[in-house]
Amino acid sequence: MERFRWEGIGNRIVLKQDFSDLNNIEVKKYIKKAENMIKNRGVKNIIVLANVKNINIDKYTLKIIENSYCQNKGYIERVIIYGLENNIQIKQKFSKELIDKKIDVFKKENEAMQWINNIK
């Protein structure tokens, strides 16, 4: 399964990330890979689109995700998370921990894609 893929959507560069069905250890490993991909791309205004359906993480791993965003904020315009419809606790953690950041949360990928297509 391909967990990361670069895609052009309109005039945007989007890094699609698939964290679905991962646990703490796996998420930490893939976060590091994502950080390297973003830095190596070396462009600004990247949109990160992350599938977190059935993700199983604790507060510590959520903090790692938040720190990763902060370390790459010079490259990242927005982070869009989707797939939280079945996990209310994690949705609350994401919403609480990442509030006031440029992060948007959607239930489904098509909702997130519509939002990206409407960015001016």
PDB file of N, CA and C in Angstrom:
ATOM      1  N   MET A   1       0.841  -1.188   0.000  1.00  0.00           N
ATOM      2  CA  MET A   1       0.000   0.000   0.000  1.00  0.00           C
ATOM      3  C   MET A   1       0.879   1.241   0.000  1.00  0.00           C
ATOM      4  N   GLU A   2       0.562   2.152  -0.900  1.00  0.00           N
ATOM      5  CA  GLU A   2       1.284   3.406  -0.988  1.00  0.00           C
ATOM      6  C   GLU A   2       0.720   4.379   0.053  1.00  0.00           C
ATOM      7  N   ARG A   3       1.566   4.819   0.972  1.00  0.00           N
ATOM      8  CA  ARG A   3       1.110   5.695   2.060  1.00  0.00           C
ATOM      9  C   ARG A   3       1.244   7.185   1.739  1.00  0.00           C
ATOM     10  N   PHE A   4       2.086   7.534   0.773  1.00  0.00           N
ATOM     11  CA  PHE A   4       2.294   8.942   0.428  1.00  0.00           C
ATOM     12  C   PHE A   4       2.323   9.100  -1.087  1.00  0.00           C
ATOM     13  N   ARG A   5       1.712  10.196  -1.546  1.00  0.00           N
ATOM     14  CA  ARG A   5       1.699  10.452  -2.979  1.00  0.00           C
ATOM     15  C   ARG A   5       1.563  11.960  -3.209  1.00  0.00           C
ATOM     16  N   TRP A   6       2.414  12.493  -4.074  1.00  0.00           N
ATOM     17  CA  TRP A   6       2.308  13.882  -4.491  1.00  0.00           C
ATOM     18  C   TRP A   6       1.273  13.962  -5.599  1.00  0.00           C
ATOM     19  N   GLU A   7       0.478  15.024  -5.567  1.00  0.00           N
ATOM     20  CA  GLU A   7      -0.547  15.192  -6.584  1.00  0.00           C
ATOM     21  C   GLU A   7      -0.759  16.681  -6.833  1.00  0.00           C
ATOM     22  N   GLY A   8      -0.970  17.038  -8.071  1.00  0.00           N
ATOM     23  CA  GLY A   8      -1.332  18.408  -8.416  1.00  0.00           C
ATOM     24  C   GLY A   8      -2.844  18.511  -8.483  1.00  0.00           C
ATOM     25  N   ILE A   9      -3.401  19.427  -7.738  1.00  0.00           N
ATOM     26  CA  ILE A   9      -4.845  19.665  -7.771  1.00  0.00           C
ATOM     27  C   ILE A   9      -5.035  21.146  -8.064  1.00  0.00           C
ATOM     28  N   GLY A  10      -5.501  21.419  -9.268  1.00  0.00           N
ATOM     29  CA  GLY A  10      -5.574  22.812  -9.696  1.00  0.00           C
ATOM     30  C   GLY A  10      -4.166  23.374  -9.737  1.00  0.00           C
ATOM     31  N   ASN A  11      -3.965  24.501  -9.087  1.00  0.00           N
ATOM     32  CA  ASN A  11      -2.622  25.084  -9.029  1.00  0.00           C
ATOM     33  C   ASN A  11      -1.932  24.770  -7.701  1.00  0.00           C
ATOM     34  N   ARG A  12      -2.399  23.751  -7.011  1.00  0.00           N
ATOM     35  CA  ARG A  12      -1.875  23.384  -5.695  1.00  0.00           C
ATOM     36  C   ARG A  12      -1.030  22.116  -5.763  1.00  0.00           C
ATOM     37  N   ILE A  13      -0.021  22.066  -4.900  1.00  0.00           N
ATOM     38  CA  ILE A  13       0.752  20.840  -4.711  1.00  0.00           C
ATOM     39  C   ILE A  13       0.231  20.203  -3.434  1.00  0.00           C
ATOM     40  N   VAL A  14      -0.232  18.967  -3.555  1.00  0.00           N
ATOM     41  CA  VAL A  14      -0.851  18.270  -2.427  1.00  0.00           C
ATOM     42  C   VAL A  14      -0.057  17.011  -2.121  1.00  0.00           C
ATOM     43  N   LEU A  15       0.296  16.840  -0.850  1.00  0.00           N
ATOM     44  CA  LEU A  15       0.873  15.581  -0.392  1.00  0.00           C
ATOM     45  C   LEU A  15      -0.240  14.794   0.265  1.00  0.00           C
ATOM     46  N   LYS A  16      -0.654  13.729  -0.413  1.00  0.00           N
ATOM     47  CA  LYS A  16      -1.677  12.857   0.154  1.00  0.00           C
ATOM     48  C   LYS A  16      -0.995  11.845   1.056  1.00  0.00           C
ATOM     49  N   GLN A  17      -1.482  11.788   2.289  1.00  0.00           N
ATOM     50  CA  GLN A  17      -0.931  10.872   3.284  1.00  0.00           C
ATOM     51  C   GLN A  17      -2.014   9.910   3.731  1.00  0.00           C
ATOM     52  N   ASP A  18      -1.650   8.651   3.883  1.00  0.00           N
ATOM     53  CA  ASP A  18      -2.610   7.650   4.346  1.00  0.00           C
ATOM     54  C   ASP A  18      -2.111   7.048   5.657  1.00  0.00           C
ATOM     55  N   PHE A  19      -2.691   7.525   6.758  1.00  0.00           N
ATOM     56  CA  PHE A  19      -2.374   7.000   8.087  1.00  0.00           C
ATOM     57  C   PHE A  19      -3.468   6.059   8.585  1.00  0.00           C
ATOM     58  N   SER A  20      -4.360   5.662   7.691  1.00  0.00           N
ATOM     59  CA  SER A  20      -5.491   4.826   8.105  1.00  0.00           C
ATOM     60  C   SER A  20      -5.013   3.504   8.680  1.00  0.00           C
ATOM     61  N   ASP A  21      -5.690   3.085   9.738  1.00  0.00           N
ATOM     62  CA  ASP A  21      -5.459   1.790  10.395  1.00  0.00           C
ATOM     63  C   ASP A  21      -4.070   1.638  11.014  1.00  0.00           C
ATOM     64  N   LEU A  22      -3.383   2.747  11.278  1.00  0.00           N
ATOM     65  CA  LEU A  22      -2.051   2.666  11.882  1.00  0.00           C
ATOM     66  C   LEU A  22      -2.118   2.872  13.386  1.00  0.00           C
ATOM     67  N   ASN A  23      -1.104   2.358  14.078  1.00  0.00           N
ATOM     68  CA  ASN A  23      -0.979   2.550  15.523  1.00  0.00           C
ATOM     69  C   ASN A  23       0.133   3.562  15.816  1.00  0.00           C
ATOM     70  N   ASN A  24       0.386   3.795  17.089  1.00  0.00           N
ATOM     71  CA  ASN A  24       1.378   4.792  17.509  1.00  0.00           C
ATOM     72  C   ASN A  24       2.738   4.603  16.840  1.00  0.00           C
ATOM     73  N   ILE A  25       3.264   3.396  16.905  1.00  0.00           N
ATOM     74  CA  ILE A  25       4.607   3.119  16.387  1.00  0.00           C
ATOM     75  C   ILE A  25       4.666   3.377  14.885  1.00  0.00           C
ATOM     76  N   GLU A  26       3.658   2.909  14.161  1.00  0.00           N
ATOM     77  CA  GLU A  26       3.628   3.082  12.713  1.00  0.00           C
ATOM     78  C   GLU A  26       3.482   4.552  12.333  1.00  0.00           C
ATOM     79  N   VAL A  27       2.623   5.271  13.044  1.00  0.00           N
ATOM     80  CA  VAL A  27       2.421   6.695  12.745  1.00  0.00           C
ATOM     81  C   VAL A  27       3.726   7.457  12.945  1.00  0.00           C
ATOM     82  N   LYS A  28       4.434   7.192  14.033  1.00  0.00           N
ATOM     83  CA  LYS A  28       5.707   7.885  14.285  1.00  0.00           C
ATOM     84  C   LYS A  28       6.686   7.660  13.146  1.00  0.00           C
ATOM     85  N   LYS A  29       6.759   6.431  12.648  1.00  0.00           N
ATOM     86  CA  LYS A  29       7.660   6.099  11.538  1.00  0.00           C
ATOM     87  C   LYS A  29       7.270   6.870  10.278  1.00  0.00           C
ATOM     88  N   TYR A  30       5.986   6.885   9.968  1.00  0.00           N
ATOM     89  CA  TYR A  30       5.533   7.543   8.752  1.00  0.00           C
ATOM     90  C   TYR A  30       5.582   9.065   8.844  1.00  0.00           C
ATOM     91  N   ILE A  31       5.430   9.613  10.032  1.00  0.00           N
ATOM     92  CA  ILE A  31       5.541  11.068  10.206  1.00  0.00           C
ATOM     93  C   ILE A  31       6.940  11.525   9.817  1.00  0.00           C
ATOM     94  N   LYS A  32       7.956  10.784  10.243  1.00  0.00           N
ATOM     95  CA  LYS A  32       9.338  11.127   9.887  1.00  0.00           C
ATOM     96  C   LYS A  32       9.530  11.084   8.376  1.00  0.00           C
ATOM     97  N   LYS A  33       8.959  10.071   7.733  1.00  0.00           N
ATOM     98  CA  LYS A  33       9.063   9.957   6.276  1.00  0.00           C
ATOM     99  C   LYS A  33       8.385  11.154   5.609  1.00  0.00           C
ATOM    100  N   ALA A  34       7.221  11.535   6.111  1.00  0.00           N
ATOM    101  CA  ALA A  34       6.499  12.680   5.547  1.00  0.00           C
ATOM    102  C   ALA A  34       7.299  13.968   5.700  1.00  0.00           C
ATOM    103  N   GLU A  35       7.906  14.162   6.867  1.00  0.00           N
ATOM    104  CA  GLU A  35       8.733  15.352   7.093  1.00  0.00           C
ATOM    105  C   GLU A  35       9.844  15.434   6.054  1.00  0.00           C
ATOM    106  N   ASN A  36      10.512  14.311   5.824  1.00  0.00           N
ATOM    107  CA  ASN A  36      11.609  14.283   4.852  1.00  0.00           C
ATOM    108  C   ASN A  36      11.113  14.565   3.442  1.00  0.00           C
ATOM    109  N   MET A  37       9.961  14.016   3.084  1.00  0.00           N
ATOM    110  CA  MET A  37       9.406  14.258   1.749  1.00  0.00           C
ATOM    111  C   MET A  37       9.114  15.735   1.535  1.00  0.00           C
ATOM    112  N   ILE A  38       8.549  16.379   2.553  1.00  0.00           N
ATOM    113  CA  ILE A  38       8.206  17.796   2.452  1.00  0.00           C
ATOM    114  C   ILE A  38       9.463  18.643   2.339  1.00  0.00           C
ATOM    115  N   LYS A  39      10.439  18.376   3.190  1.00  0.00           N
ATOM    116  CA  LYS A  39      11.689  19.149   3.144  1.00  0.00           C
ATOM    117  C   LYS A  39      12.422  18.930   1.832  1.00  0.00           C
ATOM    118  N   ASN A  40      12.466  17.695   1.359  1.00  0.00           N
ATOM    119  CA  ASN A  40      13.170  17.392   0.108  1.00  0.00           C
ATOM    120  C   ASN A  40      12.478  18.006  -1.110  1.00  0.00           C
ATOM    121  N   ARG A  41      11.172  18.162  -1.050  1.00  0.00           N
ATOM    122  CA  ARG A  41      10.436  18.797  -2.155  1.00  0.00           C
ATOM    123  C   ARG A  41      10.852  20.255  -2.270  1.00  0.00           C
ATOM    124  N   GLY A  42      11.058  20.893  -1.116  1.00  0.00           N
ATOM    125  CA  GLY A  42      11.617  22.237  -1.067  1.00  0.00           C
ATOM    126  C   GLY A  42      10.751  23.344  -1.622  1.00  0.00           C
ATOM    127  N   VAL A  43       9.457  23.145  -1.700  1.00  0.00           N
ATOM    128  CA  VAL A  43       8.574  24.205  -2.184  1.00  0.00           C
ATOM    129  C   VAL A  43       7.641  24.653  -1.066  1.00  0.00           C
ATOM    130  N   LYS A  44       7.144  25.842  -1.210  1.00  0.00           N
ATOM    131  CA  LYS A  44       6.219  26.383  -0.212  1.00  0.00           C
ATOM    132  C   LYS A  44       4.783  26.184  -0.668  1.00  0.00           C
ATOM    133  N   ASN A  45       3.874  26.406   0.249  1.00  0.00           N
ATOM    134  CA  ASN A  45       2.434  26.350  -0.019  1.00  0.00           C
ATOM    135  C   ASN A  45       1.918  24.953  -0.340  1.00  0.00           C
ATOM    136  N   ILE A  46       2.517  23.944   0.265  1.00  0.00           N
ATOM    137  CA  ILE A  46       2.049  22.568   0.120  1.00  0.00           C
ATOM    138  C   ILE A  46       0.787  22.395   0.955  1.00  0.00           C
ATOM    139  N   ILE A  47      -0.160  21.657   0.410  1.00  0.00           N
ATOM    140  CA  ILE A  47      -1.333  21.257   1.174  1.00  0.00           C
ATOM    141  C   ILE A  47      -1.143  19.786   1.529  1.00  0.00           C
ATOM    142  N   VAL A  48      -1.273  19.474   2.787  1.00  0.00           N
ATOM    143  CA  VAL A  48      -1.171  18.095   3.260  1.00  0.00           C
ATOM    144  C   VAL A  48      -2.590  17.576   3.465  1.00  0.00           C
ATOM    145  N   LEU A  49      -2.909  16.471   2.819  1.00  0.00           N
ATOM    146  CA  LEU A  49      -4.224  15.844   2.921  1.00  0.00           C
ATOM    147  C   LEU A  49      -4.020  14.476   3.564  1.00  0.00           C
ATOM    148  N   ALA A  50      -4.476  14.324   4.796  1.00  0.00           N
ATOM    149  CA  ALA A  50      -4.188  13.122   5.573  1.00  0.00           C
ATOM    150  C   ALA A  50      -5.441  12.316   5.882  1.00  0.00           C
ATOM    151  N   ASN A  51      -5.407  11.058   5.503  1.00  0.00           N
ATOM    152  CA  ASN A  51      -6.463  10.106   5.846  1.00  0.00           C
ATOM    153  C   ASN A  51      -6.101   9.485   7.195  1.00  0.00           C
ATOM    154  N   VAL A  52      -6.956   9.705   8.200  1.00  0.00           N
ATOM    155  CA  VAL A  52      -6.682   9.168   9.543  1.00  0.00           C
ATOM    156  C   VAL A  52      -7.789   8.216   9.990  1.00  0.00           C
ATOM    157  N   LYS A  53      -8.449   7.599   9.018  1.00  0.00           N
ATOM    158  CA  LYS A  53      -9.536   6.666   9.342  1.00  0.00           C
ATOM    159  C   LYS A  53      -8.988   5.490  10.157  1.00  0.00           C
ATOM    160  N   ASN A  54      -9.654   5.209  11.252  1.00  0.00           N
ATOM    161  CA  ASN A  54      -9.305   4.101  12.156  1.00  0.00           C
ATOM    162  C   ASN A  54      -7.886   4.194  12.718  1.00  0.00           C
ATOM    163  N   ILE A  55      -7.354   5.400  12.781  1.00  0.00           N
ATOM    164  CA  ILE A  55      -6.034   5.586  13.375  1.00  0.00           C
ATOM    165  C   ILE A  55      -6.136   5.346  14.874  1.00  0.00           C
ATOM    166  N   ASN A  56      -5.112   4.771  15.451  1.00  0.00           N
ATOM    167  CA  ASN A  56      -5.118   4.446  16.877  1.00  0.00           C
ATOM    168  C   ASN A  56      -3.874   5.035  17.520  1.00  0.00           C
ATOM    169  N   ILE A  57      -4.009   6.272  18.017  1.00  0.00           N
ATOM    170  CA  ILE A  57      -2.855   6.961  18.593  1.00  0.00           C
ATOM    171  C   ILE A  57      -3.193   7.521  19.966  1.00  0.00           C
ATOM    172  N   ASP A  58      -2.136   7.793  20.712  1.00  0.00           N
ATOM    173  CA  ASP A  58      -2.307   8.400  22.028  1.00  0.00           C
ATOM    174  C   ASP A  58      -1.943   9.891  21.956  1.00  0.00           C
ATOM    175  N   LYS A  59      -2.042  10.552  23.086  1.00  0.00           N
ATOM    176  CA  LYS A  59      -1.786  11.994  23.138  1.00  0.00           C
ATOM    177  C   LYS A  59      -0.329  12.318  22.788  1.00  0.00           C
ATOM    178  N   TYR A  60       0.594  11.458  23.168  1.00  0.00           N
ATOM    179  CA  TYR A  60       2.012  11.671  22.866  1.00  0.00           C
ATOM    180  C   TYR A  60       2.250  11.672  21.350  1.00  0.00           C
ATOM    181  N   THR A  61       1.653  10.717  20.653  1.00  0.00           N
ATOM    182  CA  THR A  61       1.808  10.638  19.199  1.00  0.00           C
ATOM    183  C   THR A  61       1.125  11.824  18.531  1.00  0.00           C
ATOM    184  N   LEU A  62       0.004  12.253  19.055  1.00  0.00           N
ATOM    185  CA  LEU A  62      -0.664  13.441  18.531  1.00  0.00           C
ATOM    186  C   LEU A  62       0.255  14.655  18.646  1.00  0.00           C
ATOM    187  N   LYS A  63       0.989  14.750  19.737  1.00  0.00           N
ATOM    188  CA  LYS A  63       1.935  15.850  19.933  1.00  0.00           C
ATOM    189  C   LYS A  63       3.054  15.788  18.889  1.00  0.00           C
ATOM    190  N   ILE A  64       3.496  14.574  18.544  1.00  0.00           N
ATOM    191  CA  ILE A  64       4.510  14.408  17.501  1.00  0.00           C
ATOM    192  C   ILE A  64       3.980  14.921  16.164  1.00  0.00           C
ATOM    193  N   ILE A  65       2.734  14.609  15.874  1.00  0.00           N
ATOM    194  CA  ILE A  65       2.107  15.094  14.639  1.00  0.00           C
ATOM    195  C   ILE A  65       2.061  16.627  14.645  1.00  0.00           C
ATOM    196  N   GLU A  66       1.649  17.193  15.757  1.00  0.00           N
ATOM    197  CA  GLU A  66       1.580  18.650  15.876  1.00  0.00           C
ATOM    198  C   GLU A  66       2.967  19.273  15.704  1.00  0.00           C
ATOM    199  N   ASN A  67       3.979  18.692  16.348  1.00  0.00           N
ATOM    200  CA  ASN A  67       5.345  19.210  16.231  1.00  0.00           C
ATOM    201  C   ASN A  67       5.854  19.116  14.798  1.00  0.00           C
ATOM    202  N   SER A  68       5.495  18.044  14.120  1.00  0.00           N
ATOM    203  CA  SER A  68       5.896  17.876  12.720  1.00  0.00           C
ATOM    204  C   SER A  68       5.314  18.998  11.871  1.00  0.00           C
ATOM    205  N   TYR A  69       4.052  19.307  12.104  1.00  0.00           N
ATOM    206  CA  TYR A  69       3.424  20.414  11.387  1.00  0.00           C
ATOM    207  C   TYR A  69       4.184  21.718  11.665  1.00  0.00           C
ATOM    208  N   CYS A  70       4.485  21.959  12.920  1.00  0.00           N
ATOM    209  CA  CYS A  70       5.163  23.206  13.288  1.00  0.00           C
ATOM    210  C   CYS A  70       6.550  23.305  12.651  1.00  0.00           C
ATOM    211  N   GLN A  71       7.277  22.185  12.594  1.00  0.00           N
ATOM    212  CA  GLN A  71       8.617  22.189  12.009  1.00  0.00           C
ATOM    213  C   GLN A  71       8.586  22.432  10.507  1.00  0.00           C
ATOM    214  N   ASN A  72       7.494  22.084   9.870  1.00  0.00           N
ATOM    215  CA  ASN A  72       7.387  22.221   8.419  1.00  0.00           C
ATOM    216  C   ASN A  72       6.472  23.357   7.987  1.00  0.00           C
ATOM    217  N   LYS A  73       6.070  24.214   8.917  1.00  0.00           N
ATOM    218  CA  LYS A  73       5.084  25.237   8.573  1.00  0.00           C
ATOM    219  C   LYS A  73       5.592  26.218   7.515  1.00  0.00           C
ATOM    220  N   GLY A  74       6.882  26.325   7.321  1.00  0.00           N
ATOM    221  CA  GLY A  74       7.404  27.163   6.248  1.00  0.00           C
ATOM    222  C   GLY A  74       7.081  26.619   4.870  1.00  0.00           C
ATOM    223  N   TYR A  75       6.822  25.327   4.789  1.00  0.00           N
ATOM    224  CA  TYR A  75       6.494  24.680   3.519  1.00  0.00           C
ATOM    225  C   TYR A  75       4.993  24.428   3.365  1.00  0.00           C
ATOM    226  N   ILE A  76       4.298  24.287   4.489  1.00  0.00           N
ATOM    227  CA  ILE A  76       2.903  23.846   4.475  1.00  0.00           C
ATOM    228  C   ILE A  76       1.960  25.040   4.566  1.00  0.00           C
ATOM    229  N   GLU A  77       1.052  25.100   3.606  1.00  0.00           N
ATOM    230  CA  GLU A  77       0.010  26.131   3.636  1.00  0.00           C
ATOM    231  C   GLU A  77      -1.153  25.694   4.526  1.00  0.00           C
ATOM    232  N   ARG A  78      -1.600  24.454   4.355  1.00  0.00           N
ATOM    233  CA  ARG A  78      -2.737  23.921   5.109  1.00  0.00           C
ATOM    234  C   ARG A  78      -2.539  22.447   5.338  1.00  0.00           C
ATOM    235  N   VAL A  79      -3.104  21.965   6.429  1.00  0.00           N
ATOM    236  CA  VAL A  79      -3.207  20.531   6.693  1.00  0.00           C
ATOM    237  C   VAL A  79      -4.690  20.206   6.738  1.00  0.00           C
ATOM    238  N   ILE A  80      -5.085  19.214   5.975  1.00  0.00           N
ATOM    239  CA  ILE A  80      -6.481  18.807   5.930  1.00  0.00           C
ATOM    240  C   ILE A  80      -6.541  17.344   6.346  1.00  0.00           C
ATOM    241  N   ILE A  81      -7.333  17.083   7.361  1.00  0.00           N
ATOM    242  CA  ILE A  81      -7.470  15.740   7.917  1.00  0.00           C
ATOM    243  C   ILE A  81      -8.880  15.254   7.628  1.00  0.00           C
ATOM    244  N   TYR A  82      -8.977  13.996   7.215  1.00  0.00           N
ATOM    245  CA  TYR A  82     -10.309  13.405   7.028  1.00  0.00           C
ATOM    246  C   TYR A  82     -10.296  11.954   7.499  1.00  0.00           C
ATOM    247  N   GLY A  83     -11.504  11.431   7.738  1.00  0.00           N
ATOM    248  CA  GLY A  83     -11.655  10.037   8.120  1.00  0.00           C
ATOM    249  C   GLY A  83     -11.914   9.819   9.596  1.00  0.00           C
ATOM    250  N   LEU A  84     -12.328  10.844  10.303  1.00  0.00           N
ATOM    251  CA  LEU A  84     -12.530  10.730  11.750  1.00  0.00           C
ATOM    252  C   LEU A  84     -13.960  10.417  12.148  1.00  0.00           C
ATOM    253  N   GLU A  85     -14.810  10.106  11.191  1.00  0.00           N
ATOM    254  CA  GLU A  85     -16.231   9.953  11.510  1.00  0.00           C
ATOM    255  C   GLU A  85     -16.518   8.863  12.525  1.00  0.00           C
ATOM    256  N   ASN A  86     -15.673   7.857  12.629  1.00  0.00           N
ATOM    257  CA  ASN A  86     -15.948   6.739  13.541  1.00  0.00           C
ATOM    258  C   ASN A  86     -15.197   6.824  14.858  1.00  0.00           C
ATOM    259  N   ASN A  87     -14.375   7.825  15.040  1.00  0.00           N
ATOM    260  CA  ASN A  87     -13.566   7.880  16.249  1.00  0.00           C
ATOM    261  C   ASN A  87     -13.678   9.251  16.905  1.00  0.00           C
ATOM    262  N   ILE A  88     -14.686   9.402  17.728  1.00  0.00           N
ATOM    263  CA  ILE A  88     -14.979  10.697  18.360  1.00  0.00           C
ATOM    264  C   ILE A  88     -13.850  11.140  19.286  1.00  0.00           C
ATOM    265  N   GLN A  89     -13.258  10.213  20.057  1.00  0.00           N
ATOM    266  CA  GLN A  89     -12.192  10.605  20.987  1.00  0.00           C
ATOM    267  C   GLN A  89     -11.000  11.203  20.256  1.00  0.00           C
ATOM    268  N   ILE A  90     -10.577  10.571  19.181  1.00  0.00           N
ATOM    269  CA  ILE A  90      -9.436  11.100  18.439  1.00  0.00           C
ATOM    270  C   ILE A  90      -9.813  12.414  17.768  1.00  0.00           C
ATOM    271  N   LYS A  91     -11.036  12.513  17.268  1.00  0.00           N
ATOM    272  CA  LYS A  91     -11.481  13.773  16.668  1.00  0.00           C
ATOM    273  C   LYS A  91     -11.403  14.895  17.693  1.00  0.00           C
ATOM    274  N   GLN A  92     -11.829  14.620  18.918  1.00  0.00           N
ATOM    275  CA  GLN A  92     -11.756  15.630  19.970  1.00  0.00           C
ATOM    276  C   GLN A  92     -10.299  15.980  20.269  1.00  0.00           C
ATOM    277  N   LYS A  93      -9.431  14.973  20.304  1.00  0.00           N
ATOM    278  CA  LYS A  93      -8.000  15.232  20.543  1.00  0.00           C
ATOM    279  C   LYS A  93      -7.421  16.094  19.435  1.00  0.00           C
ATOM    280  N   PHE A  94      -7.686  15.732  18.170  1.00  0.00           N
ATOM    281  CA  PHE A  94      -7.186  16.518  17.055  1.00  0.00           C
ATOM    282  C   PHE A  94      -7.696  17.947  17.154  1.00  0.00           C
ATOM    283  N   SER A  95      -8.999  18.096  17.379  1.00  0.00           N
ATOM    284  CA  SER A  95      -9.588  19.431  17.423  1.00  0.00           C
ATOM    285  C   SER A  95      -9.010  20.253  18.562  1.00  0.00           C
ATOM    286  N   LYS A  96      -8.856  19.650  19.726  1.00  0.00           N
ATOM    287  CA  LYS A  96      -8.360  20.373  20.900  1.00  0.00           C
ATOM    288  C   LYS A  96      -6.877  20.711  20.761  1.00  0.00           C
ATOM    289  N   GLU A  97      -6.070  19.744  20.351  1.00  0.00           N
ATOM    290  CA  GLU A  97      -4.627  19.932  20.279  1.00  0.00           C
ATOM    291  C   GLU A  97      -4.208  20.840  19.128  1.00  0.00           C
ATOM    292  N   LEU A  98      -4.944  20.815  18.051  1.00  0.00           N
ATOM    293  CA  LEU A  98      -4.510  21.526  16.861  1.00  0.00           C
ATOM    294  C   LEU A  98      -5.303  22.792  16.586  1.00  0.00           C
ATOM    295  N   ILE A  99      -6.066  23.217  17.569  1.00  0.00           N
ATOM    296  CA  ILE A  99      -6.859  24.434  17.399  1.00  0.00           C
ATOM    297  C   ILE A  99      -5.917  25.624  17.182  1.00  0.00           C
ATOM    298  N   ASP A 100      -6.369  26.594  16.441  1.00  0.00           N
ATOM    299  CA  ASP A 100      -5.600  27.790  16.091  1.00  0.00           C
ATOM    300  C   ASP A 100      -4.437  27.499  15.158  1.00  0.00           C
ATOM    301  N   LYS A 101      -4.370  26.331  14.596  1.00  0.00           N
ATOM    302  CA  LYS A 101      -3.387  26.017  13.573  1.00  0.00           C
ATOM    303  C   LYS A 101      -4.134  26.017  12.243  1.00  0.00           C
ATOM    304  N   LYS A 102      -3.426  26.012  11.157  1.00  0.00           N
ATOM    305  CA  LYS A 102      -4.076  25.972   9.848  1.00  0.00           C
ATOM    306  C   LYS A 102      -4.414  24.534   9.498  1.00  0.00           C
ATOM    307  N   ILE A 103      -5.357  23.996  10.235  1.00  0.00           N
ATOM    308  CA  ILE A 103      -5.759  22.609  10.053  1.00  0.00           C
ATOM    309  C   ILE A 103      -7.274  22.553   9.944  1.00  0.00           C
ATOM    310  N   ASP A 104      -7.732  21.826   8.949  1.00  0.00           N
ATOM    311  CA  ASP A 104      -9.167  21.643   8.747  1.00  0.00           C
ATOM    312  C   ASP A 104      -9.473  20.161   8.858  1.00  0.00           C
ATOM    313  N   VAL A 105     -10.627  19.844   9.433  1.00  0.00           N
ATOM    314  CA  VAL A 105     -11.024  18.454   9.656  1.00  0.00           C
ATOM    315  C   VAL A 105     -12.335  18.189   8.924  1.00  0.00           C
ATOM    316  N   PHE A 106     -12.330  17.118   8.144  1.00  0.00           N
ATOM    317  CA  PHE A 106     -13.519  16.702   7.398  1.00  0.00           C
ATOM    318  C   PHE A 106     -13.802  15.239   7.681  1.00  0.00           C
ATOM    319  N   LYS A 107     -15.041  14.840   7.457  1.00  0.00           N
ATOM    320  CA  LYS A 107     -15.401  13.437   7.646  1.00  0.00           C
ATOM    321  C   LYS A 107     -14.907  12.578   6.486  1.00  0.00           C
ATOM    322  N   LYS A 108     -15.064  13.077   5.273  1.00  0.00           N
ATOM    323  CA  LYS A 108     -14.794  12.254   4.091  1.00  0.00           C
ATOM    324  C   LYS A 108     -13.826  12.953   3.131  1.00  0.00           C
ATOM    325  N   GLU A 109     -13.130  12.136   2.347  1.00  0.00           N
ATOM    326  CA  GLU A 109     -12.147  12.667   1.402  1.00  0.00           C
ATOM    327  C   GLU A 109     -12.785  13.594   0.373  1.00  0.00           C
ATOM    328  N   ASN A 110     -13.956  13.235  -0.142  1.00  0.00           N
ATOM    329  CA  ASN A 110     -14.568  14.085  -1.164  1.00  0.00           C
ATOM    330  C   ASN A 110     -14.893  15.477  -0.624  1.00  0.00           C
ATOM    331  N   GLU A 111     -15.248  15.584   0.655  1.00  0.00           N
ATOM    332  CA  GLU A 111     -15.484  16.897   1.264  1.00  0.00           C
ATOM    333  C   GLU A 111     -14.186  17.697   1.305  1.00  0.00           C
ATOM    334  N   ALA A 112     -13.109  17.038   1.676  1.00  0.00           N
ATOM    335  CA  ALA A 112     -11.798  17.694   1.739  1.00  0.00           C
ATOM    336  C   ALA A 112     -11.351  18.138   0.347  1.00  0.00           C
ATOM    337  N   MET A 113     -11.569  17.289  -0.650  1.00  0.00           N
ATOM    338  CA  MET A 113     -11.173  17.619  -2.014  1.00  0.00           C
ATOM    339  C   MET A 113     -11.973  18.814  -2.538  1.00  0.00           C
ATOM    340  N   GLN A 114     -13.251  18.872  -2.230  1.00  0.00           N
ATOM    341  CA  GLN A 114     -14.063  20.027  -2.634  1.00  0.00           C
ATOM    342  C   GLN A 114     -13.504  21.299  -2.018  1.00  0.00           C
ATOM    343  N   TRP A 115     -13.102  21.211  -0.752  1.00  0.00           N
ATOM    344  CA  TRP A 115     -12.558  22.375  -0.062  1.00  0.00           C
ATOM    345  C   TRP A 115     -11.267  22.822  -0.755  1.00  0.00           C
ATOM    346  N   ILE A 116     -10.396  21.869  -1.078  1.00  0.00           N
ATOM    347  CA  ILE A 116      -9.131  22.208  -1.766  1.00  0.00           C
ATOM    348  C   ILE A 116      -9.422  22.882  -3.100  1.00  0.00           C
ATOM    349  N   ASN A 117     -10.359  22.344  -3.852  1.00  0.00           N
ATOM    350  CA  ASN A 117     -10.681  22.914  -5.161  1.00  0.00           C
ATOM    351  C   ASN A 117     -11.234  24.324  -5.066  1.00  0.00           C
ATOM    352  N   ASN A 118     -11.762  24.704  -3.914  1.00  0.00           N
ATOM    353  CA  ASN A 118     -12.330  26.040  -3.740  1.00  0.00           C
ATOM    354  C   ASN A 118     -11.355  27.049  -3.139  1.00  0.00           C
ATOM    355  N   ILE A 119     -10.144  26.617  -2.794  1.00  0.00           N
ATOM    356  CA  ILE A 119      -9.161  27.547  -2.241  1.00  0.00           C
ATOM    357  C   ILE A 119      -8.753  28.538  -3.331  1.00  0.00           C
ATOM    358  N   LYS A 120      -8.731  29.773  -2.975  1.00  0.00           N
ATOM    359  CA  LYS A 120      -8.321  30.814  -3.935  1.00  0.00           C
ATOM    360  C   LYS A 120      -6.859  31.116  -3.796  1.00  0.00           C
TER     361      LYS A 120
END
